[in-house]
Amino acid sequence: MKRILFFMVYFFIAESVFGQIAHYNQFPAMQPQHILDDHLTNISFAFSMRVLNSDYEGYLVRLRKQNGQNPGNGDEEKDFGWSENDIVDVVAIDAWRKKKDVYVVTWYDQSGEGNNATQTDEDRQPQFYSDATIPYFQGDGTNNTGDFLEVVTSNGIQSVTNNGNEGSVLGVMKATKRAQHSFGVLRGSNRWSTHINWSDNNLYFDPGICCNNVRSFENSSNVNVWQQYTFIKTNSNAIARAGGDEKFNGLHTTGRCTRTENFAIGWATGTGWNKYATTSFSELIMYKMDISADEYLEIEEDAITFWNL
């Protein structure tokens, strides 16, 4: 009887301790749980400055260190993974860069689809900031050589959405007030894109022919503030959310996006307008479909909790 009681008490204590494991692998022999472990169906890509998938064995980001005054003057590139807190290893990055500016070459896709976001043109690589709380990158917004990353796929935006119709994007971003294209594709009124924020301080989401009657919300309170955003296009509706709250959800009647340019981060590929963004990015996940409320609520809550938003 004493032996049975001992094992019951041991089991209770073990469950109590191990059940607290969330984002941090306090016990190296145990596999931690991450938000995408159960949310990989219909995924297009998953970028973050933290690890999102327990089975992912690659790096998070590839950076370029600018050694000279101009790009290409003896510059170095290096891949970086994550530290024990699941966040990209900013200590290793700072030790490597030695106070020199660093820029994003590749943001690695953790979804298993291999859809990395890259920029080979050094003049267009966004600058990386090794903030210990929320590491991120940001473009300079210069209209002649704006900075952006590009997700190269076989059929552009059509490959990462359901034929340019349904799709879901969840990210951790910092808005700025500027006439800018924050991500997606855009050519005139044919687009799958966002403005975070536009110069009127509204956030716009256009997942199809512009301009649908329901497409924006006032977002001045989030200028230069880290926030979690969700954008969903169902077969019938356009939905935008911020900080776990729904900002609009209305019928989208103007038609699907038919562009085939590659999905961009920090700009909208295809556009003839040089509206490069100064939006800051730390996390961006996309699905080809409109994911369920159970899924997006769980992913939102995880990001808000992890990044302490």
C-alpha atoms as a PDB file:
ATOM      1  CA  MET A   1       0.000   0.000   0.000  1.00  0.00           C
ATOM      2  CA  LYS A   2       2.877   2.401   0.845  1.00  0.00           C
ATOM      3  CA  ARG A   3       4.520   1.652  -2.514  1.00  0.00           C
ATOM      4  CA  ILE A   4       1.285   2.451  -4.385  1.00  0.00           C
ATOM      5  CA  LEU A   5       0.871   5.663  -2.444  1.00  0.00           C
ATOM      6  CA  PHE A   6       4.492   6.664  -3.237  1.00  0.00           C
ATOM      7  CA  PHE A   7       3.970   6.258  -6.984  1.00  0.00           C
ATOM      8  CA  MET A   8       0.694   8.173  -6.866  1.00  0.00           C
ATOM      9  CA  VAL A   9       2.396  11.109  -5.092  1.00  0.00           C
ATOM     10  CA  TYR A  10       5.370  10.990  -7.522  1.00  0.00           C
ATOM     11  CA  PHE A  11       3.041  10.989 -10.518  1.00  0.00           C
ATOM     12  CA  PHE A  12       1.119  13.987  -9.155  1.00  0.00           C
ATOM     13  CA  ILE A  13       4.323  15.996  -8.554  1.00  0.00           C
ATOM     14  CA  ALA A  14       5.739  15.112 -11.974  1.00  0.00           C
ATOM     15  CA  GLU A  15       2.534  16.150 -13.711  1.00  0.00           C
ATOM     16  CA  SER A  16       2.505  19.419 -11.769  1.00  0.00           C
ATOM     17  CA  VAL A  17       6.104  20.273 -12.695  1.00  0.00           C
ATOM     18  CA  PHE A  18       6.194  19.059 -16.289  1.00  0.00           C
ATOM     19  CA  GLY A  19       2.799  20.579 -17.050  1.00  0.00           C
ATOM     20  CA  GLN A  20       4.311  24.038 -16.610  1.00  0.00           C
ATOM     21  CA  ILE A  21       6.642  23.598 -19.595  1.00  0.00           C
ATOM     22  CA  ALA A  22       5.515  26.036 -22.265  1.00  0.00           C
ATOM     23  CA  HIS A  23       7.890  28.149 -24.337  1.00  0.00           C
ATOM     24  CA  TYR A  24      11.054  27.178 -22.485  1.00  0.00           C
ATOM     25  CA  ASN A  25      12.722  23.793 -22.587  1.00  0.00           C
ATOM     26  CA  GLN A  26      13.728  23.569 -18.911  1.00  0.00           C
ATOM     27  CA  PHE A  27      14.321  19.834 -19.285  1.00  0.00           C
ATOM     28  CA  PRO A  28      16.556  19.224 -22.363  1.00  0.00           C
ATOM     29  CA  ALA A  29      15.590  15.541 -22.558  1.00  0.00           C
ATOM     30  CA  MET A  30      11.941  16.488 -23.068  1.00  0.00           C
ATOM     31  CA  GLN A  31      10.430  17.824 -26.299  1.00  0.00           C
ATOM     32  CA  PRO A  32       8.846  21.267 -25.727  1.00  0.00           C
ATOM     33  CA  GLN A  33       5.513  22.240 -27.242  1.00  0.00           C
ATOM     34  CA  HIS A  34       5.198  25.126 -29.699  1.00  0.00           C
ATOM     35  CA  ILE A  35       2.161  26.782 -31.212  1.00  0.00           C
ATOM     36  CA  LEU A  36       2.496  25.324 -34.718  1.00  0.00           C
ATOM     37  CA  ASP A  37       2.854  21.731 -33.545  1.00  0.00           C
ATOM     38  CA  ASP A  38      -0.889  21.294 -34.062  1.00  0.00           C
ATOM     39  CA  HIS A  39      -1.519  24.016 -36.668  1.00  0.00           C
ATOM     40  CA  LEU A  40       0.280  23.038 -39.876  1.00  0.00           C
ATOM     41  CA  THR A  41      -2.702  22.074 -42.056  1.00  0.00           C
ATOM     42  CA  ASN A  42      -3.052  24.336 -45.140  1.00  0.00           C
ATOM     43  CA  ILE A  43      -0.111  26.449 -43.993  1.00  0.00           C
ATOM     44  CA  SER A  44       1.762  28.553 -46.558  1.00  0.00           C
ATOM     45  CA  PHE A  45       4.709  29.791 -44.507  1.00  0.00           C
ATOM     46  CA  ALA A  46       5.712  30.540 -40.925  1.00  0.00           C
ATOM     47  CA  PHE A  47       8.318  33.198 -40.119  1.00  0.00           C
ATOM     48  CA  SER A  48       9.279  34.350 -36.645  1.00  0.00           C
ATOM     49  CA  MET A  49      12.098  35.595 -34.475  1.00  0.00           C
ATOM     50  CA  ARG A  50      11.253  32.651 -32.205  1.00  0.00           C
ATOM     51  CA  VAL A  51      10.898  28.945 -32.846  1.00  0.00           C
ATOM     52  CA  LEU A  52       7.284  27.973 -33.677  1.00  0.00           C
ATOM     53  CA  ASN A  53       7.516  24.269 -34.501  1.00  0.00           C
ATOM     54  CA  SER A  54       9.051  21.591 -32.265  1.00  0.00           C
ATOM     55  CA  ASP A  55      10.095  19.539 -35.303  1.00  0.00           C
ATOM     56  CA  TYR A  56      11.876  22.432 -36.981  1.00  0.00           C
ATOM     57  CA  GLU A  57      15.638  21.893 -37.115  1.00  0.00           C
ATOM     58  CA  GLY A  58      16.803  24.815 -39.242  1.00  0.00           C
ATOM     59  CA  TYR A  59      17.781  28.408 -38.525  1.00  0.00           C
ATOM     60  CA  LEU A  60      15.497  31.373 -37.908  1.00  0.00           C
ATOM     61  CA  VAL A  61      17.275  34.078 -39.874  1.00  0.00           C
ATOM     62  CA  ARG A  62      20.303  34.716 -42.082  1.00  0.00           C
ATOM     63  CA  LEU A  63      21.951  38.096 -41.583  1.00  0.00           C
ATOM     64  CA  ARG A  64      24.529  40.167 -43.433  1.00  0.00           C
ATOM     65  CA  LYS A  65      27.072  42.212 -41.492  1.00  0.00           C
ATOM     66  CA  GLN A  66      28.099  45.401 -43.257  1.00  0.00           C
ATOM     67  CA  ASN A  67      31.842  45.656 -42.673  1.00  0.00           C
ATOM     68  CA  GLY A  68      32.485  48.627 -44.918  1.00  0.00           C
ATOM     69  CA  GLN A  69      30.694  51.911 -45.508  1.00  0.00           C
ATOM     70  CA  ASN A  70      28.973  50.497 -48.584  1.00  0.00           C
ATOM     71  CA  PRO A  71      27.302  47.098 -49.177  1.00  0.00           C
ATOM     72  CA  GLY A  72      29.520  44.392 -50.626  1.00  0.00           C
ATOM     73  CA  ASN A  73      32.728  45.779 -49.126  1.00  0.00           C
ATOM     74  CA  GLY A  74      33.935  42.603 -47.388  1.00  0.00           C
ATOM     75  CA  ASP A  75      30.501  41.897 -45.905  1.00  0.00           C
ATOM     76  CA  GLU A  76      29.807  38.607 -44.123  1.00  0.00           C
ATOM     77  CA  GLU A  77      26.659  36.472 -43.876  1.00  0.00           C
ATOM     78  CA  LYS A  78      25.705  34.084 -41.083  1.00  0.00           C
ATOM     79  CA  ASP A  79      22.719  31.936 -40.027  1.00  0.00           C
ATOM     80  CA  PHE A  80      21.306  32.152 -36.505  1.00  0.00           C
ATOM     81  CA  GLY A  81      19.063  29.832 -34.522  1.00  0.00           C
ATOM     82  CA  TRP A  82      17.433  30.355 -31.141  1.00  0.00           C
ATOM     83  CA  SER A  83      18.583  30.406 -27.535  1.00  0.00           C
ATOM     84  CA  GLU A  84      17.058  28.667 -24.506  1.00  0.00           C
ATOM     85  CA  ASN A  85      14.200  31.191 -24.303  1.00  0.00           C
ATOM     86  CA  ASP A  86      13.088  30.158 -27.842  1.00  0.00           C
ATOM     87  CA  ILE A  87      13.950  33.623 -29.220  1.00  0.00           C
ATOM     88  CA  VAL A  88      16.579  34.176 -31.917  1.00  0.00           C
ATOM     89  CA  ASP A  89      20.003  34.230 -30.285  1.00  0.00           C
ATOM     90  CA  VAL A  90      20.578  37.980 -29.982  1.00  0.00           C
ATOM     91  CA  VAL A  91      23.622  37.436 -27.752  1.00  0.00           C
ATOM     92  CA  ALA A  92      25.335  35.475 -30.526  1.00  0.00           C
ATOM     93  CA  ILE A  93      24.224  38.045 -33.110  1.00  0.00           C
ATOM     94  CA  ASP A  94      25.609  40.962 -31.102  1.00  0.00           C
ATOM     95  CA  ALA A  95      28.881  39.133 -30.478  1.00  0.00           C
ATOM     96  CA  TRP A  96      29.212  38.532 -34.216  1.00  0.00           C
ATOM     97  CA  ARG A  97      28.214  41.935 -35.501  1.00  0.00           C
ATOM     98  CA  LYS A  98      30.355  43.903 -33.005  1.00  0.00           C
ATOM     99  CA  LYS A  99      28.055  46.966 -33.121  1.00  0.00           C
ATOM    100  CA  LYS A 100      28.019  46.990 -36.922  1.00  0.00           C
ATOM    101  CA  ASP A 101      24.728  47.218 -38.795  1.00  0.00           C
ATOM    102  CA  VAL A 102      23.197  43.923 -39.875  1.00  0.00           C
ATOM    103  CA  TYR A 103      20.556  43.209 -42.516  1.00  0.00           C
ATOM    104  CA  VAL A 104      18.161  40.346 -43.232  1.00  0.00           C
ATOM    105  CA  VAL A 105      19.128  38.118 -46.141  1.00  0.00           C
ATOM    106  CA  THR A 106      16.685  35.275 -45.428  1.00  0.00           C
ATOM    107  CA  TRP A 107      13.833  34.764 -42.976  1.00  0.00           C
ATOM    108  CA  TYR A 108      13.511  30.999 -42.822  1.00  0.00           C
ATOM    109  CA  ASP A 109      10.171  29.240 -43.217  1.00  0.00           C
ATOM    110  CA  GLN A 110       9.402  26.975 -40.243  1.00  0.00           C
ATOM    111  CA  SER A 111       6.273  25.427 -41.788  1.00  0.00           C
ATOM    112  CA  GLY A 112       8.045  22.630 -43.648  1.00  0.00           C
ATOM    113  CA  GLU A 113       6.924  24.072 -47.013  1.00  0.00           C
ATOM    114  CA  GLY A 114      10.323  25.610 -47.751  1.00  0.00           C
ATOM    115  CA  ASN A 115       8.867  29.024 -48.621  1.00  0.00           C
ATOM    116  CA  ASN A 116      11.673  31.212 -47.276  1.00  0.00           C
ATOM    117  CA  ALA A 117      11.488  35.001 -47.497  1.00  0.00           C
ATOM    118  CA  THR A 118      14.655  36.334 -49.094  1.00  0.00           C
ATOM    119  CA  GLN A 119      16.323  39.411 -50.515  1.00  0.00           C
ATOM    120  CA  THR A 120      19.476  39.011 -52.620  1.00  0.00           C
ATOM    121  CA  ASP A 121      19.830  42.712 -53.468  1.00  0.00           C
ATOM    122  CA  GLU A 122      21.890  44.146 -50.611  1.00  0.00           C
ATOM    123  CA  ASP A 123      20.491  47.633 -51.183  1.00  0.00           C
ATOM    124  CA  ARG A 124      17.006  46.295 -50.460  1.00  0.00           C
ATOM    125  CA  GLN A 125      17.681  44.167 -47.384  1.00  0.00           C
ATOM    126  CA  PRO A 126      15.793  45.443 -44.304  1.00  0.00           C
ATOM    127  CA  GLN A 127      17.835  46.206 -41.205  1.00  0.00           C
ATOM    128  CA  PHE A 128      17.730  43.772 -38.287  1.00  0.00           C
ATOM    129  CA  TYR A 129      17.492  45.068 -34.708  1.00  0.00           C
ATOM    130  CA  SER A 130      18.649  42.753 -31.930  1.00  0.00           C
ATOM    131  CA  ASP A 131      16.186  43.935 -29.313  1.00  0.00           C
ATOM    132  CA  ALA A 132      16.349  41.426 -26.460  1.00  0.00           C
ATOM    133  CA  THR A 133      12.577  41.659 -25.844  1.00  0.00           C
ATOM    134  CA  ILE A 134      11.267  41.555 -29.430  1.00  0.00           C
ATOM    135  CA  PRO A 135      13.939  41.189 -32.118  1.00  0.00           C
ATOM    136  CA  TYR A 136      12.723  42.517 -35.466  1.00  0.00           C
ATOM    137  CA  PHE A 137      13.548  43.989 -38.846  1.00  0.00           C
ATOM    138  CA  GLN A 138      12.413  47.210 -40.472  1.00  0.00           C
ATOM    139  CA  GLY A 139      12.800  48.742 -43.907  1.00  0.00           C
ATOM    140  CA  ASP A 140      13.929  52.320 -44.374  1.00  0.00           C
ATOM    141  CA  GLY A 141      10.946  53.180 -46.595  1.00  0.00           C
ATOM    142  CA  THR A 142      13.149  54.914 -49.160  1.00  0.00           C
ATOM    143  CA  ASN A 143      11.111  55.030 -52.342  1.00  0.00           C
ATOM    144  CA  ASN A 144      13.919  54.500 -54.833  1.00  0.00           C
ATOM    145  CA  THR A 145      15.581  51.539 -53.041  1.00  0.00           C
ATOM    146  CA  GLY A 146      12.963  50.397 -50.546  1.00  0.00           C
ATOM    147  CA  ASP A 147      13.596  47.324 -48.420  1.00  0.00           C
ATOM    148  CA  PHE A 148      11.548  44.143 -48.561  1.00  0.00           C
ATOM    149  CA  LEU A 149      11.716  40.335 -48.458  1.00  0.00           C
ATOM    150  CA  GLU A 150      10.095  38.142 -51.102  1.00  0.00           C
ATOM    151  CA  VAL A 151       8.506  34.693 -50.827  1.00  0.00           C
ATOM    152  CA  VAL A 152       9.276  33.057 -54.172  1.00  0.00           C
ATOM    153  CA  THR A 153       6.679  30.392 -55.087  1.00  0.00           C
ATOM    154  CA  SER A 154       5.565  28.734 -58.313  1.00  0.00           C
ATOM    155  CA  ASN A 155       2.493  30.905 -58.822  1.00  0.00           C
ATOM    156  CA  GLY A 156       3.068  33.849 -56.510  1.00  0.00           C
ATOM    157  CA  ILE A 157       0.187  34.970 -54.329  1.00  0.00           C
ATOM    158  CA  GLN A 158      -2.008  32.254 -55.856  1.00  0.00           C
ATOM    159  CA  SER A 159       0.269  29.587 -54.308  1.00  0.00           C
ATOM    160  CA  VAL A 160      -0.051  30.907 -50.762  1.00  0.00           C
ATOM    161  CA  THR A 161      -3.792  31.582 -50.933  1.00  0.00           C
ATOM    162  CA  ASN A 162      -6.690  29.517 -52.247  1.00  0.00           C
ATOM    163  CA  ASN A 163      -6.513  30.802 -55.817  1.00  0.00           C
ATOM    164  CA  GLY A 164      -6.323  34.403 -54.616  1.00  0.00           C
ATOM    165  CA  ASN A 165      -9.540  34.105 -52.655  1.00  0.00           C
ATOM    166  CA  GLU A 166      -9.296  32.617 -49.159  1.00  0.00           C
ATOM    167  CA  GLY A 167      -6.282  33.111 -46.919  1.00  0.00           C
ATOM    168  CA  SER A 168      -5.215  33.965 -43.369  1.00  0.00           C
ATOM    169  CA  VAL A 169      -2.259  36.022 -42.102  1.00  0.00           C
ATOM    170  CA  LEU A 170      -1.315  36.306 -38.430  1.00  0.00           C
ATOM    171  CA  GLY A 171       1.615  38.446 -37.376  1.00  0.00           C
ATOM    172  CA  VAL A 172       3.380  40.506 -34.742  1.00  0.00           C
ATOM    173  CA  MET A 173       4.100  43.945 -36.158  1.00  0.00           C
ATOM    174  CA  LYS A 174       4.678  47.562 -35.191  1.00  0.00           C
ATOM    175  CA  ALA A 175       2.675  50.052 -37.235  1.00  0.00           C
ATOM    176  CA  THR A 176       3.939  53.381 -38.524  1.00  0.00           C
ATOM    177  CA  LYS A 177       2.040  56.312 -40.025  1.00  0.00           C
ATOM    178  CA  ARG A 178       3.035  56.397 -43.680  1.00  0.00           C
ATOM    179  CA  ALA A 179       1.605  55.895 -47.162  1.00  0.00           C
ATOM    180  CA  GLN A 180       3.010  52.358 -47.401  1.00  0.00           C
ATOM    181  CA  HIS A 181       2.376  48.814 -48.611  1.00  0.00           C
ATOM    182  CA  SER A 182       3.222  46.568 -45.672  1.00  0.00           C
ATOM    183  CA  PHE A 183       2.907  43.143 -47.316  1.00  0.00           C
ATOM    184  CA  GLY A 184       1.354  41.207 -50.201  1.00  0.00           C
ATOM    185  CA  VAL A 185       0.839  42.005 -53.885  1.00  0.00           C
ATOM    186  CA  LEU A 186      -0.738  44.995 -55.580  1.00  0.00           C
ATOM    187  CA  ARG A 187      -1.256  46.298 -59.092  1.00  0.00           C
ATOM    188  CA  GLY A 188      -3.771  49.089 -59.206  1.00  0.00           C
ATOM    189  CA  SER A 189      -7.033  47.839 -57.708  1.00  0.00           C
ATOM    190  CA  ASN A 190      -6.090  44.151 -58.054  1.00  0.00           C
ATOM    191  CA  ARG A 191      -4.413  43.226 -54.774  1.00  0.00           C
ATOM    192  CA  TRP A 192      -3.975  41.021 -51.694  1.00  0.00           C
ATOM    193  CA  SER A 193      -2.289  43.466 -49.370  1.00  0.00           C
ATOM    194  CA  THR A 194      -2.291  45.674 -46.290  1.00  0.00           C
ATOM    195  CA  HIS A 195      -1.357  49.201 -45.219  1.00  0.00           C
ATOM    196  CA  ILE A 196      -0.144  49.223 -41.568  1.00  0.00           C
ATOM    197  CA  ASN A 197      -0.850  52.145 -41.276  1.00  0.00           C
ATOM    198  CA  TRP A 198      -1.659  54.446 -44.186  1.00  0.00           C
ATOM    199  CA  SER A 199      -0.917  58.163 -43.819  1.00  0.00           C
ATOM    200  CA  ASP A 200      -4.457  58.758 -42.492  1.00  0.00           C
ATOM    201  CA  ASN A 201      -3.667  56.385 -39.573  1.00  0.00           C
ATOM    202  CA  ASN A 202      -6.162  53.803 -40.787  1.00  0.00           C
ATOM    203  CA  LEU A 203      -5.101  50.194 -41.222  1.00  0.00           C
ATOM    204  CA  TYR A 204      -6.325  48.786 -44.559  1.00  0.00           C
ATOM    205  CA  PHE A 205      -6.790  45.161 -45.586  1.00  0.00           C
ATOM    206  CA  ASP A 206      -7.545  44.492 -49.259  1.00  0.00           C
ATOM    207  CA  PRO A 207      -7.707  40.741 -50.060  1.00  0.00           C
ATOM    208  CA  GLY A 208      -9.142  41.229 -53.558  1.00  0.00           C
ATOM    209  CA  ILE A 209     -10.282  43.959 -55.914  1.00  0.00           C
ATOM    210  CA  CYS A 210     -10.104  47.350 -54.223  1.00  0.00           C
ATOM    211  CA  CYS A 211     -11.951  48.995 -52.794  1.00  0.00           C
ATOM    212  CA  ASN A 212     -14.443  46.939 -50.850  1.00  0.00           C
ATOM    213  CA  ASN A 213     -16.823  48.829 -48.573  1.00  0.00           C
ATOM    214  CA  VAL A 214     -15.452  47.126 -45.445  1.00  0.00           C
ATOM    215  CA  ARG A 215     -11.653  47.424 -45.549  1.00  0.00           C
ATOM    216  CA  SER A 216     -10.185  49.565 -42.754  1.00  0.00           C
ATOM    217  CA  PHE A 217     -10.169  50.596 -39.116  1.00  0.00           C
ATOM    218  CA  GLU A 218      -8.606  53.489 -37.221  1.00  0.00           C
ATOM    219  CA  ASN A 219      -5.277  52.336 -35.733  1.00  0.00           C
ATOM    220  CA  SER A 220      -3.481  55.435 -34.410  1.00  0.00           C
ATOM    221  CA  SER A 221      -3.191  53.963 -30.889  1.00  0.00           C
ATOM    222  CA  ASN A 222      -0.875  51.260 -32.256  1.00  0.00           C
ATOM    223  CA  VAL A 223       1.604  53.535 -34.038  1.00  0.00           C
ATOM    224  CA  ASN A 224       5.110  52.524 -32.871  1.00  0.00           C
ATOM    225  CA  VAL A 225       3.541  49.913 -30.593  1.00  0.00           C
ATOM    226  CA  TRP A 226       4.018  46.156 -30.944  1.00  0.00           C
ATOM    227  CA  GLN A 227       0.709  44.457 -31.674  1.00  0.00           C
ATOM    228  CA  GLN A 228      -0.632  41.120 -32.843  1.00  0.00           C
ATOM    229  CA  TYR A 229      -2.702  41.367 -36.053  1.00  0.00           C
ATOM    230  CA  THR A 230      -4.880  38.840 -37.869  1.00  0.00           C
ATOM    231  CA  PHE A 231      -6.205  39.195 -41.429  1.00  0.00           C
ATOM    232  CA  ILE A 232      -8.605  36.621 -42.869  1.00  0.00           C
ATOM    233  CA  LYS A 233     -10.387  36.356 -46.192  1.00  0.00           C
ATOM    234  CA  THR A 234     -13.145  33.754 -46.227  1.00  0.00           C
ATOM    235  CA  ASN A 235     -15.098  32.811 -49.325  1.00  0.00           C
ATOM    236  CA  SER A 236     -17.460  35.681 -48.519  1.00  0.00           C
ATOM    237  CA  ASN A 237     -15.991  37.994 -45.852  1.00  0.00           C
ATOM    238  CA  ALA A 238     -12.933  40.081 -45.028  1.00  0.00           C
ATOM    239  CA  ILE A 239     -11.919  40.071 -41.357  1.00  0.00           C
ATOM    240  CA  ALA A 240      -9.332  42.142 -39.495  1.00  0.00           C
ATOM    241  CA  ARG A 241      -8.336  41.736 -35.852  1.00  0.00           C
ATOM    242  CA  ALA A 242      -5.848  43.467 -33.550  1.00  0.00           C
ATOM    243  CA  GLY A 243      -4.735  42.391 -30.083  1.00  0.00           C
ATOM    244  CA  GLY A 244      -7.306  39.599 -30.019  1.00  0.00           C
ATOM    245  CA  ASP A 245     -10.222  41.934 -30.820  1.00  0.00           C
ATOM    246  CA  GLU A 246     -12.256  41.957 -34.022  1.00  0.00           C
ATOM    247  CA  LYS A 247     -12.030  45.306 -35.832  1.00  0.00           C
ATOM    248  CA  PHE A 248     -14.210  44.511 -38.822  1.00  0.00           C
ATOM    249  CA  ASN A 249     -15.937  41.518 -40.376  1.00  0.00           C
ATOM    250  CA  GLY A 250     -17.973  42.217 -43.485  1.00  0.00           C
ATOM    251  CA  LEU A 251     -18.940  40.959 -46.897  1.00  0.00           C
ATOM    252  CA  HIS A 252     -16.298  41.195 -49.595  1.00  0.00           C
ATOM    253  CA  THR A 253     -18.129  41.751 -52.870  1.00  0.00           C
ATOM    254  CA  THR A 254     -15.544  43.171 -55.279  1.00  0.00           C
ATOM    255  CA  GLY A 255     -13.882  39.930 -56.467  1.00  0.00           C
ATOM    256  CA  ARG A 256     -10.789  37.853 -55.815  1.00  0.00           C
ATOM    257  CA  CYS A 257      -7.160  38.822 -56.413  1.00  0.00           C
ATOM    258  CA  THR A 258      -5.889  37.524 -59.772  1.00  0.00           C
ATOM    259  CA  ARG A 259      -2.281  38.775 -59.560  1.00  0.00           C
ATOM    260  CA  THR A 260       0.536  36.205 -59.688  1.00  0.00           C
ATOM    261  CA  GLU A 261       3.460  38.184 -58.259  1.00  0.00           C
ATOM    262  CA  ASN A 262       5.341  36.793 -55.262  1.00  0.00           C
ATOM    263  CA  PHE A 263       4.190  37.648 -51.751  1.00  0.00           C
ATOM    264  CA  ALA A 264       6.365  40.431 -50.333  1.00  0.00           C
ATOM    265  CA  ILE A 265       7.063  41.601 -46.772  1.00  0.00           C
ATOM    266  CA  GLY A 266       7.755  45.331 -46.490  1.00  0.00           C
ATOM    267  CA  TRP A 267       6.197  46.196 -49.847  1.00  0.00           C
ATOM    268  CA  ALA A 268       3.547  44.850 -52.242  1.00  0.00           C
ATOM    269  CA  THR A 269       5.132  43.299 -55.333  1.00  0.00           C
ATOM    270  CA  GLY A 270       3.687  44.258 -58.681  1.00  0.00           C
ATOM    271  CA  THR A 271       2.875  47.805 -57.722  1.00  0.00           C
ATOM    272  CA  GLY A 272       3.961  50.723 -59.853  1.00  0.00           C
ATOM    273  CA  TRP A 273       3.812  52.942 -56.783  1.00  0.00           C
ATOM    274  CA  ASN A 274       7.003  53.047 -54.729  1.00  0.00           C
ATOM    275  CA  LYS A 275       5.283  52.815 -51.353  1.00  0.00           C
ATOM    276  CA  TYR A 276       7.860  50.856 -49.355  1.00  0.00           C
ATOM    277  CA  ALA A 277       7.027  50.243 -45.710  1.00  0.00           C
ATOM    278  CA  THR A 278       8.640  51.157 -42.412  1.00  0.00           C
ATOM    279  CA  THR A 279       6.411  48.625 -40.635  1.00  0.00           C
ATOM    280  CA  SER A 280       8.425  46.480 -38.195  1.00  0.00           C
ATOM    281  CA  PHE A 281       8.107  42.669 -38.353  1.00  0.00           C
ATOM    282  CA  SER A 282       8.861  40.000 -35.775  1.00  0.00           C
ATOM    283  CA  GLU A 283       6.432  37.231 -36.770  1.00  0.00           C
ATOM    284  CA  LEU A 284       4.313  36.384 -39.826  1.00  0.00           C
ATOM    285  CA  ILE A 285       2.318  33.197 -40.424  1.00  0.00           C
ATOM    286  CA  MET A 286       0.120  32.559 -43.466  1.00  0.00           C
ATOM    287  CA  TYR A 287      -2.440  29.890 -44.362  1.00  0.00           C
ATOM    288  CA  LYS A 288      -3.946  29.145 -47.780  1.00  0.00           C
ATOM    289  CA  MET A 289      -7.445  29.007 -46.314  1.00  0.00           C
ATOM    290  CA  ASP A 290      -9.588  30.890 -43.832  1.00  0.00           C
ATOM    291  CA  ILE A 291      -8.655  29.041 -40.656  1.00  0.00           C
ATOM    292  CA  SER A 292     -11.242  28.410 -37.946  1.00  0.00           C
ATOM    293  CA  ALA A 293     -11.880  30.712 -35.003  1.00  0.00           C
ATOM    294  CA  ASP A 294     -10.518  28.052 -32.646  1.00  0.00           C
ATOM    295  CA  GLU A 295      -7.232  28.067 -34.553  1.00  0.00           C
ATOM    296  CA  TYR A 296      -6.704  31.793 -34.931  1.00  0.00           C
ATOM    297  CA  LEU A 297      -7.741  32.509 -31.345  1.00  0.00           C
ATOM    298  CA  GLU A 298      -5.180  29.999 -30.060  1.00  0.00           C
ATOM    299  CA  ILE A 299      -2.394  31.358 -32.289  1.00  0.00           C
ATOM    300  CA  GLU A 300      -3.267  34.943 -31.333  1.00  0.00           C
ATOM    301  CA  GLU A 301      -3.267  34.178 -27.614  1.00  0.00           C
ATOM    302  CA  ASP A 302       0.055  32.370 -27.873  1.00  0.00           C
ATOM    303  CA  ALA A 303       1.744  35.308 -29.632  1.00  0.00           C
ATOM    304  CA  ILE A 304       0.260  37.886 -27.261  1.00  0.00           C
ATOM    305  CA  THR A 305       1.372  35.874 -24.227  1.00  0.00           C
ATOM    306  CA  PHE A 306       4.825  34.958 -25.528  1.00  0.00           C
ATOM    307  CA  TRP A 307       5.775  38.459 -26.641  1.00  0.00           C
ATOM    308  CA  ASN A 308       3.997  40.094 -23.669  1.00  0.00           C
ATOM    309  CA  LEU A 309       1.889  42.359 -25.889  1.00  0.00           C
END
